[in-house]
Amino acid sequence: MPTQPDRLRQLPIPLGPVHSETLGSYLHRLAVANNRHAGFLARLLGPLPPEFSPLSNTTAGWNPHSPARLSTLSGRPTPQLARGLPGSERIG
């Protein structure tokens, strides 16, 4: 598993968040589009919260590299992610 943002690669199918989407919903959509498990993508960003689901909207456990990792995986700049995922307090 990668430990640094520069070791990650963009997923084959990049998706941006839908306006005011939860982080959990976005990760699930991104995972399904790329034939991945949402929990796997979430663990690349930080520890997986026990209640992780499409309704989850927490960045608890994220480290300073997590927003850059999500940006790399999704192919979207961090400011765009922060605008689309407003409840995710640590993006941007």
PDB file of N, CA and C in Angstrom:
ATOM      1  N   MET A   1       0.843  -1.173   0.000  1.00  0.00           N
ATOM      2  CA  MET A   1       0.000   0.000   0.000  1.00  0.00           C
ATOM      3  C   MET A   1       0.889   1.237   0.000  1.00  0.00           C
ATOM      4  N   PRO A   2       0.583   2.216  -0.838  1.00  0.00           N
ATOM      5  CA  PRO A   2       1.400   3.427  -0.907  1.00  0.00           C
ATOM      6  C   PRO A   2       1.373   4.186   0.411  1.00  0.00           C
ATOM      7  N   THR A   3       2.477   4.821   0.736  1.00  0.00           N
ATOM      8  CA  THR A   3       2.540   5.594   1.970  1.00  0.00           C
ATOM      9  C   THR A   3       2.750   7.070   1.709  1.00  0.00           C
ATOM     10  N   GLN A   4       3.020   7.458   0.476  1.00  0.00           N
ATOM     11  CA  GLN A   4       3.238   8.851   0.142  1.00  0.00           C
ATOM     12  C   GLN A   4       2.366   9.218  -1.048  1.00  0.00           C
ATOM     13  N   PRO A   5       1.875  10.481  -1.092  1.00  0.00           N
ATOM     14  CA  PRO A   5       0.985  10.879  -2.171  1.00  0.00           C
ATOM     15  C   PRO A   5       1.589  10.679  -3.560  1.00  0.00           C
ATOM     16  N   ASP A   6       2.897  10.874  -3.700  1.00  0.00           N
ATOM     17  CA  ASP A   6       3.504  10.775  -5.025  1.00  0.00           C
ATOM     18  C   ASP A   6       3.610   9.329  -5.509  1.00  0.00           C
ATOM     19  N   ARG A   7       3.302   8.356  -4.671  1.00  0.00           N
ATOM     20  CA  ARG A   7       3.361   6.954  -5.079  1.00  0.00           C
ATOM     21  C   ARG A   7       2.000   6.463  -5.576  1.00  0.00           C
ATOM     22  N   LEU A   8       0.974   7.275  -5.422  1.00  0.00           N
ATOM     23  CA  LEU A   8      -0.350   6.929  -5.916  1.00  0.00           C
ATOM     24  C   LEU A   8      -0.475   7.343  -7.368  1.00  0.00           C
ATOM     25  N   ARG A   9      -1.416   6.716  -8.044  1.00  0.00           N
ATOM     26  CA  ARG A   9      -1.709   7.099  -9.429  1.00  0.00           C
ATOM     27  C   ARG A   9      -3.187   7.414  -9.541  1.00  0.00           C
ATOM     28  N   GLN A  10      -3.495   8.232 -10.523  1.00  0.00           N
ATOM     29  CA  GLN A  10      -4.889   8.542 -10.808  1.00  0.00           C
ATOM     30  C   GLN A  10      -5.609   7.271 -11.242  1.00  0.00           C
ATOM     31  N   LEU A  11      -6.822   7.107 -10.770  1.00  0.00           N
ATOM     32  CA  LEU A  11      -7.636   5.972 -11.191  1.00  0.00           C
ATOM     33  C   LEU A  11      -7.983   6.123 -12.673  1.00  0.00           C
ATOM     34  N   PRO A  12      -8.225   5.016 -13.369  1.00  0.00           N
ATOM     35  CA  PRO A  12      -8.493   5.086 -14.814  1.00  0.00           C
ATOM     36  C   PRO A  12      -9.695   5.953 -15.186  1.00  0.00           C
ATOM     37  N   ILE A  13     -10.740   5.933 -14.351  1.00  0.00           N
ATOM     38  CA  ILE A  13     -11.931   6.737 -14.637  1.00  0.00           C
ATOM     39  C   ILE A  13     -12.035   7.827 -13.576  1.00  0.00           C
ATOM     40  N   PRO A  14     -11.595   9.045 -13.897  1.00  0.00           N
ATOM     41  CA  PRO A  14     -11.663  10.133 -12.921  1.00  0.00           C
ATOM     42  C   PRO A  14     -13.089  10.678 -12.827  1.00  0.00           C
ATOM     43  N   LEU A  15     -13.514  10.937 -11.627  1.00  0.00           N
ATOM     44  CA  LEU A  15     -14.835  11.514 -11.391  1.00  0.00           C
ATOM     45  C   LEU A  15     -14.711  12.675 -10.429  1.00  0.00           C
ATOM     46  N   GLY A  16     -15.488  13.701 -10.664  1.00  0.00           N
ATOM     47  CA  GLY A  16     -15.578  14.791  -9.704  1.00  0.00           C
ATOM     48  C   GLY A  16     -16.773  14.576  -8.804  1.00  0.00           C
ATOM     49  N   PRO A  17     -16.800  15.225  -7.657  1.00  0.00           N
ATOM     50  CA  PRO A  17     -17.955  15.090  -6.769  1.00  0.00           C
ATOM     51  C   PRO A  17     -19.163  15.835  -7.330  1.00  0.00           C
ATOM     52  N   VAL A  18     -20.334  15.358  -6.951  1.00  0.00           N
ATOM     53  CA  VAL A  18     -21.587  16.039  -7.255  1.00  0.00           C
ATOM     54  C   VAL A  18     -21.785  17.074  -6.159  1.00  0.00           C
ATOM     55  N   HIS A  19     -22.330  18.227  -6.489  1.00  0.00           N
ATOM     56  CA  HIS A  19     -22.489  19.317  -5.521  1.00  0.00           C
ATOM     57  C   HIS A  19     -23.068  18.827  -4.195  1.00  0.00           C
ATOM     58  N   SER A  20     -22.386  19.151  -3.111  1.00  0.00           N
ATOM     59  CA  SER A  20     -22.780  18.826  -1.737  1.00  0.00           C
ATOM     60  C   SER A  20     -22.871  17.325  -1.462  1.00  0.00           C
ATOM     61  N   GLU A  21     -22.104  16.530  -2.177  1.00  0.00           N
ATOM     62  CA  GLU A  21     -22.085  15.083  -1.970  1.00  0.00           C
ATOM     63  C   GLU A  21     -21.311  14.754  -0.698  1.00  0.00           C
ATOM     64  N   THR A  22     -21.685  13.684  -0.024  1.00  0.00           N
ATOM     65  CA  THR A  22     -20.918  13.255   1.142  1.00  0.00           C
ATOM     66  C   THR A  22     -19.621  12.597   0.665  1.00  0.00           C
ATOM     67  N   LEU A  23     -18.632  12.621   1.506  1.00  0.00           N
ATOM     68  CA  LEU A  23     -17.353  11.995   1.173  1.00  0.00           C
ATOM     69  C   LEU A  23     -17.540  10.499   0.935  1.00  0.00           C
ATOM     70  N   GLY A  24     -18.339   9.849   1.772  1.00  0.00           N
ATOM     71  CA  GLY A  24     -18.587   8.419   1.609  1.00  0.00           C
ATOM     72  C   GLY A  24     -19.245   8.108   0.273  1.00  0.00           C
ATOM     73  N   SER A  25     -20.220   8.891  -0.117  1.00  0.00           N
ATOM     74  CA  SER A  25     -20.895   8.694  -1.395  1.00  0.00           C
ATOM     75  C   SER A  25     -19.917   8.865  -2.548  1.00  0.00           C
ATOM     76  N   TYR A  26     -19.097   9.908  -2.458  1.00  0.00           N
ATOM     77  CA  TYR A  26     -18.119  10.157  -3.514  1.00  0.00           C
ATOM     78  C   TYR A  26     -17.129   8.996  -3.643  1.00  0.00           C
ATOM     79  N   LEU A  27     -16.605   8.532  -2.522  1.00  0.00           N
ATOM     80  CA  LEU A  27     -15.652   7.414  -2.578  1.00  0.00           C
ATOM     81  C   LEU A  27     -16.312   6.147  -3.113  1.00  0.00           C
ATOM     82  N   HIS A  28     -17.566   5.918  -2.759  1.00  0.00           N
ATOM     83  CA  HIS A  28     -18.270   4.748  -3.289  1.00  0.00           C
ATOM     84  C   HIS A  28     -18.465   4.879  -4.805  1.00  0.00           C
ATOM     85  N   ARG A  29     -18.879   6.053  -5.280  1.00  0.00           N
ATOM     86  CA  ARG A  29     -19.053   6.246  -6.732  1.00  0.00           C
ATOM     87  C   ARG A  29     -17.738   6.082  -7.470  1.00  0.00           C
ATOM     88  N   LEU A  30     -16.672   6.681  -6.923  1.00  0.00           N
ATOM     89  CA  LEU A  30     -15.344   6.587  -7.537  1.00  0.00           C
ATOM     90  C   LEU A  30     -14.883   5.132  -7.580  1.00  0.00           C
ATOM     91  N   ALA A  31     -15.127   4.403  -6.514  1.00  0.00           N
ATOM     92  CA  ALA A  31     -14.736   2.997  -6.447  1.00  0.00           C
ATOM     93  C   ALA A  31     -15.507   2.156  -7.466  1.00  0.00           C
ATOM     94  N   VAL A  32     -16.805   2.318  -7.528  1.00  0.00           N
ATOM     95  CA  VAL A  32     -17.633   1.532  -8.455  1.00  0.00           C
ATOM     96  C   VAL A  32     -17.227   1.818  -9.896  1.00  0.00           C
ATOM     97  N   ALA A  33     -17.020   3.086 -10.223  1.00  0.00           N
ATOM     98  CA  ALA A  33     -16.631   3.446 -11.593  1.00  0.00           C
ATOM     99  C   ALA A  33     -15.307   2.804 -11.997  1.00  0.00           C
ATOM    100  N   ASN A  34     -14.449   2.564 -11.009  1.00  0.00           N
ATOM    101  CA  ASN A  34     -13.114   2.017 -11.287  1.00  0.00           C
ATOM    102  C   ASN A  34     -12.953   0.567 -10.855  1.00  0.00           C
ATOM    103  N   ASN A  35     -14.072  -0.100 -10.592  1.00  0.00           N
ATOM    104  CA  ASN A  35     -14.068  -1.510 -10.208  1.00  0.00           C
ATOM    105  C   ASN A  35     -13.152  -1.770  -9.008  1.00  0.00           C
ATOM    106  N   ARG A  36     -13.269  -0.914  -8.012  1.00  0.00           N
ATOM    107  CA  ARG A  36     -12.510  -1.036  -6.772  1.00  0.00           C
ATOM    108  C   ARG A  36     -13.483  -1.113  -5.602  1.00  0.00           C
ATOM    109  N   HIS A  37     -12.993  -1.470  -4.453  1.00  0.00           N
ATOM    110  CA  HIS A  37     -13.796  -1.481  -3.236  1.00  0.00           C
ATOM    111  C   HIS A  37     -13.646  -0.115  -2.564  1.00  0.00           C
ATOM    112  N   ALA A  38     -14.755   0.474  -2.153  1.00  0.00           N
ATOM    113  CA  ALA A  38     -14.715   1.803  -1.532  1.00  0.00           C
ATOM    114  C   ALA A  38     -13.868   1.815  -0.270  1.00  0.00           C
ATOM    115  N   GLY A  39     -13.911   0.744   0.502  1.00  0.00           N
ATOM    116  CA  GLY A  39     -13.098   0.673   1.716  1.00  0.00           C
ATOM    117  C   GLY A  39     -11.613   0.730   1.412  1.00  0.00           C
ATOM    118  N   PHE A  40     -11.206   0.118   0.310  1.00  0.00           N
ATOM    119  CA  PHE A  40      -9.803   0.166  -0.096  1.00  0.00           C
ATOM    120  C   PHE A  40      -9.380   1.604  -0.395  1.00  0.00           C
ATOM    121  N   LEU A  41     -10.208   2.321  -1.163  1.00  0.00           N
ATOM    122  CA  LEU A  41      -9.873   3.716  -1.469  1.00  0.00           C
ATOM    123  C   LEU A  41      -9.846   4.548  -0.192  1.00  0.00           C
ATOM    124  N   ALA A  42     -10.813   4.333   0.683  1.00  0.00           N
ATOM    125  CA  ALA A  42     -10.868   5.099   1.927  1.00  0.00           C
ATOM    126  C   ALA A  42      -9.630   4.858   2.777  1.00  0.00           C
ATOM    127  N   ARG A  43      -9.148   3.608   2.830  1.00  0.00           N
ATOM    128  CA  ARG A  43      -7.945   3.297   3.624  1.00  0.00           C
ATOM    129  C   ARG A  43      -6.693   3.959   3.047  1.00  0.00           C
ATOM    130  N   LEU A  44      -6.675   4.252   1.759  1.00  0.00           N
ATOM    131  CA  LEU A  44      -5.532   4.968   1.180  1.00  0.00           C
ATOM    132  C   LEU A  44      -5.467   6.406   1.681  1.00  0.00           C
ATOM    133  N   LEU A  45      -6.588   6.919   2.147  1.00  0.00           N
ATOM    134  CA  LEU A  45      -6.664   8.304   2.611  1.00  0.00           C
ATOM    135  C   LEU A  45      -6.410   8.431   4.108  1.00  0.00           C
ATOM    136  N   GLY A  46      -6.661   7.406   4.847  1.00  0.00           N
ATOM    137  CA  GLY A  46      -6.484   7.422   6.295  1.00  0.00           C
ATOM    138  C   GLY A  46      -7.177   6.217   6.886  1.00  0.00           C
ATOM    139  N   PRO A  47      -7.144   6.069   8.198  1.00  0.00           N
ATOM    140  CA  PRO A  47      -7.827   4.931   8.823  1.00  0.00           C
ATOM    141  C   PRO A  47      -9.315   4.933   8.478  1.00  0.00           C
ATOM    142  N   LEU A  48      -9.839   3.780   8.175  1.00  0.00           N
ATOM    143  CA  LEU A  48     -11.240   3.642   7.809  1.00  0.00           C
ATOM    144  C   LEU A  48     -12.119   3.764   9.053  1.00  0.00           C
ATOM    145  N   PRO A  49     -13.021   4.760   9.066  1.00  0.00           N
ATOM    146  CA  PRO A  49     -13.914   4.873  10.223  1.00  0.00           C
ATOM    147  C   PRO A  49     -14.811   3.636  10.320  1.00  0.00           C
ATOM    148  N   PRO A  50     -15.128   3.163  11.514  1.00  0.00           N
ATOM    149  CA  PRO A  50     -15.935   1.950  11.648  1.00  0.00           C
ATOM    150  C   PRO A  50     -17.309   2.080  10.996  1.00  0.00           C
ATOM    151  N   GLU A  51     -17.841   3.272  10.955  1.00  0.00           N
ATOM    152  CA  GLU A  51     -19.175   3.488  10.392  1.00  0.00           C
ATOM    153  C   GLU A  51     -19.135   3.896   8.916  1.00  0.00           C
ATOM    154  N   PHE A  52     -18.045   3.630   8.222  1.00  0.00           N
ATOM    155  CA  PHE A  52     -17.898   4.078   6.835  1.00  0.00           C
ATOM    156  C   PHE A  52     -19.010   3.516   5.945  1.00  0.00           C
ATOM    157  N   SER A  53     -19.692   4.402   5.259  1.00  0.00           N
ATOM    158  CA  SER A  53     -20.768   4.051   4.341  1.00  0.00           C
ATOM    159  C   SER A  53     -20.939   5.212   3.364  1.00  0.00           C
ATOM    160  N   PRO A  54     -21.836   5.082   2.387  1.00  0.00           N
ATOM    161  CA  PRO A  54     -22.084   6.216   1.494  1.00  0.00           C
ATOM    162  C   PRO A  54     -22.599   7.456   2.226  1.00  0.00           C
ATOM    163  N   LEU A  55     -23.117   7.284   3.423  1.00  0.00           N
ATOM    164  CA  LEU A  55     -23.609   8.424   4.193  1.00  0.00           C
ATOM    165  C   LEU A  55     -22.510   9.106   4.997  1.00  0.00           C
ATOM    166  N   SER A  56     -21.355   8.470   5.120  1.00  0.00           N
ATOM    167  CA  SER A  56     -20.251   9.028   5.907  1.00  0.00           C
ATOM    168  C   SER A  56     -19.770  10.340   5.313  1.00  0.00           C
ATOM    169  N   ASN A  57     -19.479  11.254   6.205  1.00  0.00           N
ATOM    170  CA  ASN A  57     -18.971  12.547   5.749  1.00  0.00           C
ATOM    171  C   ASN A  57     -17.902  13.057   6.705  1.00  0.00           C
ATOM    172  N   THR A  58     -17.001  12.168   7.069  1.00  0.00           N
ATOM    173  CA  THR A  58     -15.964  12.544   8.023  1.00  0.00           C
ATOM    174  C   THR A  58     -14.574  12.300   7.457  1.00  0.00           C
ATOM    175  N   THR A  59     -13.677  13.161   7.835  1.00  0.00           N
ATOM    176  CA  THR A  59     -12.273  12.985   7.492  1.00  0.00           C
ATOM    177  C   THR A  59     -11.468  12.679   8.754  1.00  0.00           C
ATOM    178  N   ALA A  60     -12.160  12.226   9.790  1.00  0.00           N
ATOM    179  CA  ALA A  60     -11.485  11.858  11.045  1.00  0.00           C
ATOM    180  C   ALA A  60     -10.412  10.824  10.740  1.00  0.00           C
ATOM    181  N   GLY A  61      -9.238  11.027  11.270  1.00  0.00           N
ATOM    182  CA  GLY A  61      -8.135  10.102  11.053  1.00  0.00           C
ATOM    183  C   GLY A  61      -7.262  10.445   9.857  1.00  0.00           C
ATOM    184  N   TRP A  62      -7.671  11.424   9.064  1.00  0.00           N
ATOM    185  CA  TRP A  62      -6.854  11.820   7.928  1.00  0.00           C
ATOM    186  C   TRP A  62      -5.573  12.474   8.420  1.00  0.00           C
ATOM    187  N   ASN A  63      -4.529  12.368   7.619  1.00  0.00           N
ATOM    188  CA  ASN A  63      -3.270  13.044   7.928  1.00  0.00           C
ATOM    189  C   ASN A  63      -3.094  14.188   6.918  1.00  0.00           C
ATOM    190  N   PRO A  64      -2.044  14.980   7.027  1.00  0.00           N
ATOM    191  CA  PRO A  64      -1.864  16.106   6.108  1.00  0.00           C
ATOM    192  C   PRO A  64      -1.764  15.712   4.635  1.00  0.00           C
ATOM    193  N   HIS A  65      -1.423  14.454   4.345  1.00  0.00           N
ATOM    194  CA  HIS A  65      -1.304  14.011   2.960  1.00  0.00           C
ATOM    195  C   HIS A  65      -2.629  13.543   2.355  1.00  0.00           C
ATOM    196  N   SER A  66      -3.628  13.313   3.167  1.00  0.00           N
ATOM    197  CA  SER A  66      -4.881  12.724   2.696  1.00  0.00           C
ATOM    198  C   SER A  66      -5.582  13.529   1.595  1.00  0.00           C
ATOM    199  N   PRO A  67      -5.732  14.864   1.720  1.00  0.00           N
ATOM    200  CA  PRO A  67      -6.374  15.599   0.627  1.00  0.00           C
ATOM    201  C   PRO A  67      -5.608  15.460  -0.701  1.00  0.00           C
ATOM    202  N   ALA A  68      -4.280  15.486  -0.651  1.00  0.00           N
ATOM    203  CA  ALA A  68      -3.485  15.329  -1.878  1.00  0.00           C
ATOM    204  C   ALA A  68      -3.657  13.924  -2.451  1.00  0.00           C
ATOM    205  N   ARG A  69      -3.779  12.936  -1.604  1.00  0.00           N
ATOM    206  CA  ARG A  69      -4.001  11.563  -2.071  1.00  0.00           C
ATOM    207  C   ARG A  69      -5.344  11.452  -2.784  1.00  0.00           C
ATOM    208  N   LEU A  70      -6.379  12.054  -2.203  1.00  0.00           N
ATOM    209  CA  LEU A  70      -7.690  12.024  -2.844  1.00  0.00           C
ATOM    210  C   LEU A  70      -7.639  12.758  -4.178  1.00  0.00           C
ATOM    211  N   SER A  71      -6.943  13.864  -4.213  1.00  0.00           N
ATOM    212  CA  SER A  71      -6.784  14.608  -5.463  1.00  0.00           C
ATOM    213  C   SER A  71      -6.096  13.763  -6.530  1.00  0.00           C
ATOM    214  N   THR A  72      -5.051  13.058  -6.145  1.00  0.00           N
ATOM    215  CA  THR A  72      -4.333  12.188  -7.074  1.00  0.00           C
ATOM    216  C   THR A  72      -5.227  11.067  -7.577  1.00  0.00           C
ATOM    217  N   LEU A  73      -5.900  10.372  -6.667  1.00  0.00           N
ATOM    218  CA  LEU A  73      -6.761   9.256  -7.051  1.00  0.00           C
ATOM    219  C   LEU A  73      -7.885   9.689  -7.979  1.00  0.00           C
ATOM    220  N   SER A  74      -8.491  10.822  -7.664  1.00  0.00           N
ATOM    221  CA  SER A  74      -9.675  11.268  -8.402  1.00  0.00           C
ATOM    222  C   SER A  74      -9.352  12.034  -9.673  1.00  0.00           C
ATOM    223  N   GLY A  75      -8.119  12.534  -9.775  1.00  0.00           N
ATOM    224  CA  GLY A  75      -7.775  13.353 -10.935  1.00  0.00           C
ATOM    225  C   GLY A  75      -8.384  14.735 -10.883  1.00  0.00           C
ATOM    226  N   ARG A  76      -8.776  15.162  -9.696  1.00  0.00           N
ATOM    227  CA  ARG A  76      -9.385  16.483  -9.508  1.00  0.00           C
ATOM    228  C   ARG A  76      -8.541  17.307  -8.551  1.00  0.00           C
ATOM    229  N   PRO A  77      -8.413  18.616  -8.797  1.00  0.00           N
ATOM    230  CA  PRO A  77      -7.642  19.455  -7.875  1.00  0.00           C
ATOM    231  C   PRO A  77      -8.336  19.566  -6.512  1.00  0.00           C
ATOM    232  N   THR A  78      -7.541  19.711  -5.491  1.00  0.00           N
ATOM    233  CA  THR A  78      -8.063  19.784  -4.127  1.00  0.00           C
ATOM    234  C   THR A  78      -9.131  20.867  -3.954  1.00  0.00           C
ATOM    235  N   PRO A  79      -8.962  22.087  -4.496  1.00  0.00           N
ATOM    236  CA  PRO A  79     -10.022  23.103  -4.324  1.00  0.00           C
ATOM    237  C   PRO A  79     -11.362  22.662  -4.930  1.00  0.00           C
ATOM    238  N   GLN A  80     -11.332  21.958  -6.043  1.00  0.00           N
ATOM    239  CA  GLN A  80     -12.580  21.472  -6.641  1.00  0.00           C
ATOM    240  C   GLN A  80     -13.233  20.436  -5.718  1.00  0.00           C
ATOM    241  N   LEU A  81     -12.432  19.571  -5.140  1.00  0.00           N
ATOM    242  CA  LEU A  81     -12.963  18.581  -4.209  1.00  0.00           C
ATOM    243  C   LEU A  81     -13.560  19.267  -2.981  1.00  0.00           C
ATOM    244  N   ALA A  82     -12.897  20.278  -2.464  1.00  0.00           N
ATOM    245  CA  ALA A  82     -13.387  20.994  -1.283  1.00  0.00           C
ATOM    246  C   ALA A  82     -14.723  21.672  -1.570  1.00  0.00           C
ATOM    247  N   ARG A  83     -14.894  22.211  -2.776  1.00  0.00           N
ATOM    248  CA  ARG A  83     -16.174  22.842  -3.132  1.00  0.00           C
ATOM    249  C   ARG A  83     -17.279  21.805  -3.280  1.00  0.00           C
ATOM    250  N   GLY A  84     -16.970  20.650  -3.841  1.00  0.00           N
ATOM    251  CA  GLY A  84     -17.973  19.620  -4.078  1.00  0.00           C
ATOM    252  C   GLY A  84     -18.310  18.790  -2.856  1.00  0.00           C
ATOM    253  N   LEU A  85     -17.407  18.752  -1.902  1.00  0.00           N
ATOM    254  CA  LEU A  85     -17.589  17.959  -0.677  1.00  0.00           C
ATOM    255  C   LEU A  85     -17.540  18.877   0.544  1.00  0.00           C
ATOM    256  N   PRO A  86     -18.481  19.809   0.655  1.00  0.00           N
ATOM    257  CA  PRO A  86     -18.370  20.851   1.685  1.00  0.00           C
ATOM    258  C   PRO A  86     -18.403  20.348   3.116  1.00  0.00           C
ATOM    259  N   GLY A  87     -18.996  19.207   3.401  1.00  0.00           N
ATOM    260  CA  GLY A  87     -19.050  18.704   4.774  1.00  0.00           C
ATOM    261  C   GLY A  87     -17.760  18.052   5.212  1.00  0.00           C
ATOM    262  N   SER A  88     -16.852  17.838   4.294  1.00  0.00           N
ATOM    263  CA  SER A  88     -15.574  17.179   4.606  1.00  0.00           C
ATOM    264  C   SER A  88     -14.578  18.253   5.017  1.00  0.00           C
ATOM    265  N   GLU A  89     -14.516  18.468   6.303  1.00  0.00           N
ATOM    266  CA  GLU A  89     -13.823  19.629   6.868  1.00  0.00           C
ATOM    267  C   GLU A  89     -12.322  19.708   6.584  1.00  0.00           C
ATOM    268  N   ARG A  90     -11.663  18.641   6.220  1.00  0.00           N
ATOM    269  CA  ARG A  90     -10.210  18.717   6.069  1.00  0.00           C
ATOM    270  C   ARG A  90      -9.736  18.719   4.620  1.00  0.00           C
ATOM    271  N   ILE A  91     -10.646  18.896   3.685  1.00  0.00           N
ATOM    272  CA  ILE A  91     -10.232  18.987   2.277  1.00  0.00           C
ATOM    273  C   ILE A  91     -10.067  20.464   1.963  1.00  0.00           C
ATOM    274  N   GLY A  92      -8.969  20.778   1.352  1.00  0.00           N
ATOM    275  CA  GLY A  92      -8.780  22.142   0.893  1.00  0.00           C
ATOM    276  C   GLY A  92      -7.901  22.935   1.695  1.00  0.00           C
TER     277      GLY A  92
END
